[in-house]
Amino acid sequence: FAVPSLQVLCENGFTPAAIVTGPDRRRGR
């Protein structure tokens, strides 16, 4: 859900200095 917001910021000259996100998790079968 958050990806388009990040992409739009980068496309319009507001590339973040850093990203905060959740830890990698074990997913899938």
PDB file of all heavy atoms in Angstrom:
ATOM      1  N   PHE A   1       0.820  -1.203   0.000  1.00  0.00           N
ATOM      2  CA  PHE A   1       0.000   0.000   0.000  1.00  0.00           C
ATOM      3  C   PHE A   1       0.860   1.262   0.000  1.00  0.00           C
ATOM      4  O   PHE A   1       0.487   2.288  -0.573  1.00  0.00           O
ATOM      5  CB  PHE A   1      -0.916   0.009   1.234  1.00  0.00           C
ATOM      6  CG  PHE A   1      -1.855   1.181   1.297  1.00  0.00           C
ATOM      7  CD1 PHE A   1      -3.075   1.149   0.642  1.00  0.00           C
ATOM      8  CD2 PHE A   1      -1.528   2.324   2.016  1.00  0.00           C
ATOM      9  CE1 PHE A   1      -3.949   2.229   0.684  1.00  0.00           C
ATOM     10  CE2 PHE A   1      -2.388   3.410   2.077  1.00  0.00           C
ATOM     11  CZ  PHE A   1      -3.606   3.354   1.405  1.00  0.00           C
ATOM     12  N   ALA A   2       2.035   1.202   0.623  1.00  0.00           N
ATOM     13  CA  ALA A   2       2.900   2.380   0.762  1.00  0.00           C
ATOM     14  C   ALA A   2       3.798   2.617  -0.447  1.00  0.00           C
ATOM     15  O   ALA A   2       4.364   3.702  -0.589  1.00  0.00           O
ATOM     16  CB  ALA A   2       3.767   2.236   2.017  1.00  0.00           C
ATOM     17  N   VAL A   3       3.936   1.639  -1.326  1.00  0.00           N
ATOM     18  CA  VAL A   3       4.896   1.746  -2.431  1.00  0.00           C
ATOM     19  C   VAL A   3       4.591   2.907  -3.377  1.00  0.00           C
ATOM     20  O   VAL A   3       5.497   3.678  -3.728  1.00  0.00           O
ATOM     21  CB  VAL A   3       4.998   0.409  -3.189  1.00  0.00           C
ATOM     22  CG1 VAL A   3       5.804   0.570  -4.480  1.00  0.00           C
ATOM     23  CG2 VAL A   3       5.647  -0.652  -2.294  1.00  0.00           C
ATOM     24  N   PRO A   4       3.338   3.103  -3.847  1.00  0.00           N
ATOM     25  CA  PRO A   4       3.089   4.246  -4.732  1.00  0.00           C
ATOM     26  C   PRO A   4       3.461   5.586  -4.118  1.00  0.00           C
ATOM     27  O   PRO A   4       3.940   6.486  -4.831  1.00  0.00           O
ATOM     28  CB  PRO A   4       1.587   4.151  -5.016  1.00  0.00           C
ATOM     29  CG  PRO A   4       1.269   2.706  -4.865  1.00  0.00           C
ATOM     30  CD  PRO A   4       2.131   2.257  -3.730  1.00  0.00           C
ATOM     31  N   SER A   5       3.278   5.751  -2.820  1.00  0.00           N
ATOM     32  CA  SER A   5       3.650   7.005  -2.164  1.00  0.00           C
ATOM     33  C   SER A   5       5.152   7.236  -2.243  1.00  0.00           C
ATOM     34  O   SER A   5       5.613   8.350  -2.537  1.00  0.00           O
ATOM     35  CB  SER A   5       3.204   6.990  -0.695  1.00  0.00           C
ATOM     36  OG  SER A   5       1.792   7.001  -0.588  1.00  0.00           O
ATOM     37  N   LEU A   6       5.929   6.198  -1.997  1.00  0.00           N
ATOM     38  CA  LEU A   6       7.385   6.321  -2.089  1.00  0.00           C
ATOM     39  C   LEU A   6       7.807   6.632  -3.521  1.00  0.00           C
ATOM     40  O   LEU A   6       8.655   7.496  -3.763  1.00  0.00           O
ATOM     41  CB  LEU A   6       8.039   5.032  -1.601  1.00  0.00           C
ATOM     42  CG  LEU A   6       9.568   4.966  -1.704  1.00  0.00           C
ATOM     43  CD1 LEU A   6      10.220   6.096  -0.914  1.00  0.00           C
ATOM     44  CD2 LEU A   6      10.075   3.609  -1.220  1.00  0.00           C
ATOM     45  N   GLN A   7       7.202   5.952  -4.474  1.00  0.00           N
ATOM     46  CA  GLN A   7       7.561   6.168  -5.876  1.00  0.00           C
ATOM     47  C   GLN A   7       7.249   7.595  -6.326  1.00  0.00           C
ATOM     48  O   GLN A   7       8.068   8.245  -6.989  1.00  0.00           O
ATOM     49  CB  GLN A   7       6.810   5.167  -6.759  1.00  0.00           C
ATOM     50  CG  GLN A   7       7.275   3.725  -6.576  1.00  0.00           C
ATOM     51  CD  GLN A   7       6.388   2.732  -7.290  1.00  0.00           C
ATOM     52  OE1 GLN A   7       5.197   2.975  -7.494  1.00  0.00           O
ATOM     53  NE2 GLN A   7       6.952   1.602  -7.680  1.00  0.00           N
ATOM     54  N   VAL A   8       6.077   8.101  -5.945  1.00  0.00           N
ATOM     55  CA  VAL A   8       5.677   9.449  -6.352  1.00  0.00           C
ATOM     56  C   VAL A   8       6.608  10.500  -5.756  1.00  0.00           C
ATOM     57  O   VAL A   8       6.968  11.473  -6.421  1.00  0.00           O
ATOM     58  CB  VAL A   8       4.203   9.706  -5.962  1.00  0.00           C
ATOM     59  CG1 VAL A   8       3.875  11.186  -6.006  1.00  0.00           C
ATOM     60  CG2 VAL A   8       3.272   8.947  -6.889  1.00  0.00           C
ATOM     61  N   LEU A   9       6.990  10.326  -4.511  1.00  0.00           N
ATOM     62  CA  LEU A   9       7.931  11.272  -3.902  1.00  0.00           C
ATOM     63  C   LEU A   9       9.247  11.297  -4.673  1.00  0.00           C
ATOM     64  O   LEU A   9       9.791  12.370  -4.957  1.00  0.00           O
ATOM     65  CB  LEU A   9       8.179  10.898  -2.444  1.00  0.00           C
ATOM     66  CG  LEU A   9       7.032  11.156  -1.461  1.00  0.00           C
ATOM     67  CD1 LEU A   9       7.391  10.632  -0.081  1.00  0.00           C
ATOM     68  CD2 LEU A   9       6.672  12.632  -1.390  1.00  0.00           C
ATOM     69  N   CYS A  10       9.769  10.135  -5.018  1.00  0.00           N
ATOM     70  CA  CYS A  10      11.035  10.066  -5.752  1.00  0.00           C
ATOM     71  C   CYS A  10      10.905  10.682  -7.143  1.00  0.00           C
ATOM     72  O   CYS A  10      11.826  11.359  -7.623  1.00  0.00           O
ATOM     73  CB  CYS A  10      11.499   8.616  -5.861  1.00  0.00           C
ATOM     74  SG  CYS A  10      11.964   7.869  -4.274  1.00  0.00           S
ATOM     75  N   GLU A  11       9.776  10.477  -7.787  1.00  0.00           N
ATOM     76  CA  GLU A  11       9.563  11.007  -9.139  1.00  0.00           C
ATOM     77  C   GLU A  11       9.454  12.532  -9.159  1.00  0.00           C
ATOM     78  O   GLU A  11       9.618  13.152 -10.208  1.00  0.00           O
ATOM     79  CB  GLU A  11       8.296  10.395  -9.738  1.00  0.00           C
ATOM     80  CG  GLU A  11       8.429   8.907 -10.074  1.00  0.00           C
ATOM     81  CD  GLU A  11       7.085   8.251 -10.329  1.00  0.00           C
ATOM     82  OE1 GLU A  11       6.049   8.977 -10.266  1.00  0.00           O
ATOM     83  OE2 GLU A  11       7.062   7.038 -10.571  1.00  0.00           O
ATOM     84  N   ASN A  12       9.159  13.122  -7.997  1.00  0.00           N
ATOM     85  CA  ASN A  12       8.924  14.562  -7.945  1.00  0.00           C
ATOM     86  C   ASN A  12       9.958  15.324  -7.107  1.00  0.00           C
ATOM     87  O   ASN A  12       9.678  16.419  -6.613  1.00  0.00           O
ATOM     88  CB  ASN A  12       7.508  14.826  -7.412  1.00  0.00           C
ATOM     89  CG  ASN A  12       6.436  14.481  -8.420  1.00  0.00           C
ATOM     90  OD1 ASN A  12       6.065  15.326  -9.238  1.00  0.00           O
ATOM     91  ND2 ASN A  12       5.949  13.251  -8.376  1.00  0.00           N
ATOM     92  N   GLY A  13      11.129  14.770  -6.993  1.00  0.00           N
ATOM     93  CA  GLY A  13      12.220  15.493  -6.362  1.00  0.00           C
ATOM     94  C   GLY A  13      12.270  15.431  -4.851  1.00  0.00           C
ATOM     95  O   GLY A  13      12.978  16.231  -4.222  1.00  0.00           O
ATOM     96  N   PHE A  14      11.547  14.476  -4.236  1.00  0.00           N
ATOM     97  CA  PHE A  14      11.550  14.354  -2.779  1.00  0.00           C
ATOM     98  C   PHE A  14      12.070  12.987  -2.349  1.00  0.00           C
ATOM     99  O   PHE A  14      11.527  12.371  -1.427  1.00  0.00           O
ATOM    100  CB  PHE A  14      10.139  14.577  -2.221  1.00  0.00           C
ATOM    101  CG  PHE A  14       9.584  15.943  -2.470  1.00  0.00           C
ATOM    102  CD1 PHE A  14       8.585  16.130  -3.420  1.00  0.00           C
ATOM    103  CD2 PHE A  14      10.049  17.047  -1.783  1.00  0.00           C
ATOM    104  CE1 PHE A  14       8.056  17.401  -3.662  1.00  0.00           C
ATOM    105  CE2 PHE A  14       9.539  18.315  -2.016  1.00  0.00           C
ATOM    106  CZ  PHE A  14       8.541  18.497  -2.963  1.00  0.00           C
ATOM    107  N   THR A  15      13.106  12.501  -3.014  1.00  0.00           N
ATOM    108  CA  THR A  15      13.673  11.199  -2.657  1.00  0.00           C
ATOM    109  C   THR A  15      14.098  11.201  -1.191  1.00  0.00           C
ATOM    110  O   THR A  15      14.872  12.057  -0.766  1.00  0.00           O
ATOM    111  CB  THR A  15      14.880  10.871  -3.541  1.00  0.00           C
ATOM    112  OG1 THR A  15      14.439  10.822  -4.908  1.00  0.00           O
ATOM    113  CG2 THR A  15      15.487   9.531  -3.162  1.00  0.00           C
ATOM    114  N   PRO A  16      13.585  10.258  -0.403  1.00  0.00           N
ATOM    115  CA  PRO A  16      13.912  10.256   1.028  1.00  0.00           C
ATOM    116  C   PRO A  16      15.399  10.048   1.306  1.00  0.00           C
ATOM    117  O   PRO A  16      16.093   9.329   0.570  1.00  0.00           O
ATOM    118  CB  PRO A  16      13.085   9.073   1.565  1.00  0.00           C
ATOM    119  CG  PRO A  16      11.958   8.934   0.600  1.00  0.00           C
ATOM    120  CD  PRO A  16      12.553   9.255  -0.736  1.00  0.00           C
ATOM    121  N   ALA A  17      15.861  10.682   2.364  1.00  0.00           N
ATOM    122  CA  ALA A  17      17.243  10.479   2.808  1.00  0.00           C
ATOM    123  C   ALA A  17      17.422   9.078   3.363  1.00  0.00           C
ATOM    124  O   ALA A  17      18.516   8.512   3.313  1.00  0.00           O
ATOM    125  CB  ALA A  17      17.596  11.516   3.872  1.00  0.00           C
ATOM    126  N   ALA A  18      16.332   8.523   3.883  1.00  0.00           N
ATOM    127  CA  ALA A  18      16.379   7.171   4.444  1.00  0.00           C
ATOM    128  C   ALA A  18      14.967   6.597   4.470  1.00  0.00           C
ATOM    129  O   ALA A  18      13.977   7.324   4.404  1.00  0.00           O
ATOM    130  CB  ALA A  18      16.979   7.185   5.847  1.00  0.00           C
ATOM    131  N   ILE A  19      14.918   5.279   4.577  1.00  0.00           N
ATOM    132  CA  ILE A  19      13.664   4.543   4.662  1.00  0.00           C
ATOM    133  C   ILE A  19      13.630   3.789   5.982  1.00  0.00           C
ATOM    134  O   ILE A  19      14.637   3.219   6.404  1.00  0.00           O
ATOM    135  CB  ILE A  19      13.554   3.517   3.501  1.00  0.00           C
ATOM    136  CG1 ILE A  19      13.606   4.212   2.143  1.00  0.00           C
ATOM    137  CG2 ILE A  19      12.290   2.677   3.641  1.00  0.00           C
ATOM    138  CD1 ILE A  19      12.442   5.114   1.860  1.00  0.00           C
ATOM    139  N   VAL A  20      12.475   3.774   6.618  1.00  0.00           N
ATOM    140  CA  VAL A  20      12.253   2.925   7.785  1.00  0.00           C
ATOM    141  C   VAL A  20      11.161   1.934   7.422  1.00  0.00           C
ATOM    142  O   VAL A  20      10.076   2.323   6.960  1.00  0.00           O
ATOM    143  CB  VAL A  20      11.831   3.740   9.023  1.00  0.00           C
ATOM    144  CG1 VAL A  20      11.620   2.805  10.217  1.00  0.00           C
ATOM    145  CG2 VAL A  20      12.873   4.798   9.356  1.00  0.00           C
ATOM    146  N   THR A  21      11.424   0.656   7.606  1.00  0.00           N
ATOM    147  CA  THR A  21      10.441  -0.366   7.268  1.00  0.00           C
ATOM    148  C   THR A  21      10.552  -1.517   8.262  1.00  0.00           C
ATOM    149  O   THR A  21      11.422  -1.519   9.141  1.00  0.00           O
ATOM    150  CB  THR A  21      10.646  -0.867   5.821  1.00  0.00           C
ATOM    151  OG1 THR A  21       9.546  -1.702   5.439  1.00  0.00           O
ATOM    152  CG2 THR A  21      11.956  -1.627   5.662  1.00  0.00           C
ATOM    153  N   GLY A  22       9.667  -2.480   8.145  1.00  0.00           N
ATOM    154  CA  GLY A  22       9.695  -3.608   9.061  1.00  0.00           C
ATOM    155  C   GLY A  22      10.840  -4.557   8.768  1.00  0.00           C
ATOM    156  O   GLY A  22      11.430  -4.532   7.688  1.00  0.00           O
ATOM    157  N   PRO A  23      11.177  -5.405   9.729  1.00  0.00           N
ATOM    158  CA  PRO A  23      12.241  -6.396   9.517  1.00  0.00           C
ATOM    159  C   PRO A  23      11.843  -7.401   8.434  1.00  0.00           C
ATOM    160  O   PRO A  23      10.652  -7.604   8.166  1.00  0.00           O
ATOM    161  CB  PRO A  23      12.367  -7.088  10.883  1.00  0.00           C
ATOM    162  CG  PRO A  23      11.706  -6.164  11.861  1.00  0.00           C
ATOM    163  CD  PRO A  23      10.622  -5.465  11.099  1.00  0.00           C
ATOM    164  N   ASP A  24      12.834  -8.006   7.808  1.00  0.00           N
ATOM    165  CA  ASP A  24      12.554  -9.108   6.886  1.00  0.00           C
ATOM    166  C   ASP A  24      11.871 -10.229   7.663  1.00  0.00           C
ATOM    167  O   ASP A  24      12.211 -10.498   8.822  1.00  0.00           O
ATOM    168  CB  ASP A  24      13.851  -9.638   6.272  1.00  0.00           C
ATOM    169  CG  ASP A  24      14.531  -8.606   5.373  1.00  0.00           C
ATOM    170  OD1 ASP A  24      13.948  -7.513   5.189  1.00  0.00           O
ATOM    171  OD2 ASP A  24      15.627  -8.895   4.879  1.00  0.00           O
ATOM    172  N   ARG A  25      10.897 -10.881   7.023  1.00  0.00           N
ATOM    173  CA  ARG A  25      10.164 -11.970   7.680  1.00  0.00           C
ATOM    174  C   ARG A  25      10.171 -13.217   6.804  1.00  0.00           C
ATOM    175  O   ARG A  25      10.296 -13.125   5.587  1.00  0.00           O
ATOM    176  CB  ARG A  25       8.707 -11.553   7.938  1.00  0.00           C
ATOM    177  CG  ARG A  25       8.542 -10.338   8.833  1.00  0.00           C
ATOM    178  CD  ARG A  25       9.025 -10.590  10.240  1.00  0.00           C
ATOM    179  NE  ARG A  25       8.704  -9.477  11.138  1.00  0.00           N
ATOM    180  CZ  ARG A  25       9.287  -9.271  12.303  1.00  0.00           C
ATOM    181  NH1 ARG A  25      10.243 -10.082  12.725  1.00  0.00           N
ATOM    182  NH2 ARG A  25       8.948  -8.250  13.061  1.00  0.00           N
ATOM    183  N   ARG A  26       9.986 -14.351   7.438  1.00  0.00           N
ATOM    184  CA  ARG A  26       9.845 -15.597   6.685  1.00  0.00           C
ATOM    185  C   ARG A  26       8.439 -15.661   6.114  1.00  0.00           C
ATOM    186  O   ARG A  26       7.465 -15.531   6.845  1.00  0.00           O
ATOM    187  CB  ARG A  26      10.135 -16.807   7.577  1.00  0.00           C
ATOM    188  CG  ARG A  26      11.574 -16.841   8.062  1.00  0.00           C
ATOM    189  CD  ARG A  26      11.912 -18.144   8.766  1.00  0.00           C
ATOM    190  NE  ARG A  26      13.282 -18.136   9.245  1.00  0.00           N
ATOM    191  CZ  ARG A  26      14.330 -18.436   8.490  1.00  0.00           C
ATOM    192  NH1 ARG A  26      14.152 -18.758   7.220  1.00  0.00           N
ATOM    193  NH2 ARG A  26      15.551 -18.405   8.999  1.00  0.00           N
ATOM    194  N   ARG A  27       8.353 -15.867   4.802  1.00  0.00           N
ATOM    195  CA  ARG A  27       7.062 -15.856   4.132  1.00  0.00           C
ATOM    196  C   ARG A  27       6.965 -17.019   3.153  1.00  0.00           C
ATOM    197  O   ARG A  27       7.974 -17.575   2.723  1.00  0.00           O
ATOM    198  CB  ARG A  27       6.865 -14.537   3.367  1.00  0.00           C
ATOM    199  CG  ARG A  27       6.823 -13.295   4.249  1.00  0.00           C
ATOM    200  CD  ARG A  27       6.647 -12.033   3.406  1.00  0.00           C
ATOM    201  NE  ARG A  27       6.488 -10.841   4.226  1.00  0.00           N
ATOM    202  CZ  ARG A  27       7.487 -10.120   4.692  1.00  0.00           C
ATOM    203  NH1 ARG A  27       8.724 -10.459   4.413  1.00  0.00           N
ATOM    204  NH2 ARG A  27       7.256  -9.049   5.435  1.00  0.00           N
ATOM    205  N   GLY A  28       5.719 -17.356   2.789  1.00  0.00           N
ATOM    206  CA  GLY A  28       5.492 -18.380   1.782  1.00  0.00           C
ATOM    207  C   GLY A  28       5.653 -19.787   2.330  1.00  0.00           C
ATOM    208  O   GLY A  28       5.995 -20.013   3.489  1.00  0.00           O
ATOM    209  N   ARG A  29       5.409 -20.757   1.453  1.00  0.00           N
ATOM    210  CA  ARG A  29       5.462 -22.159   1.871  1.00  0.00           C
ATOM    211  C   ARG A  29       6.867 -22.583   2.261  1.00  0.00           C
ATOM    212  O   ARG A  29       7.057 -23.419   3.139  1.00  0.00           O
ATOM    213  CB  ARG A  29       4.939 -23.044   0.741  1.00  0.00           C
ATOM    214  CG  ARG A  29       3.433 -22.861   0.487  1.00  0.00           C
ATOM    215  CD  ARG A  29       2.910 -23.869  -0.503  1.00  0.00           C
ATOM    216  NE  ARG A  29       1.464 -23.724  -0.687  1.00  0.00           N
ATOM    217  CZ  ARG A  29       0.743 -24.502  -1.481  1.00  0.00           C
ATOM    218  NH1 ARG A  29       1.341 -25.460  -2.191  1.00  0.00           N
ATOM    219  NH2 ARG A  29      -0.557 -24.325  -1.592  1.00  0.00           N
TER     220      ARG A  29
END
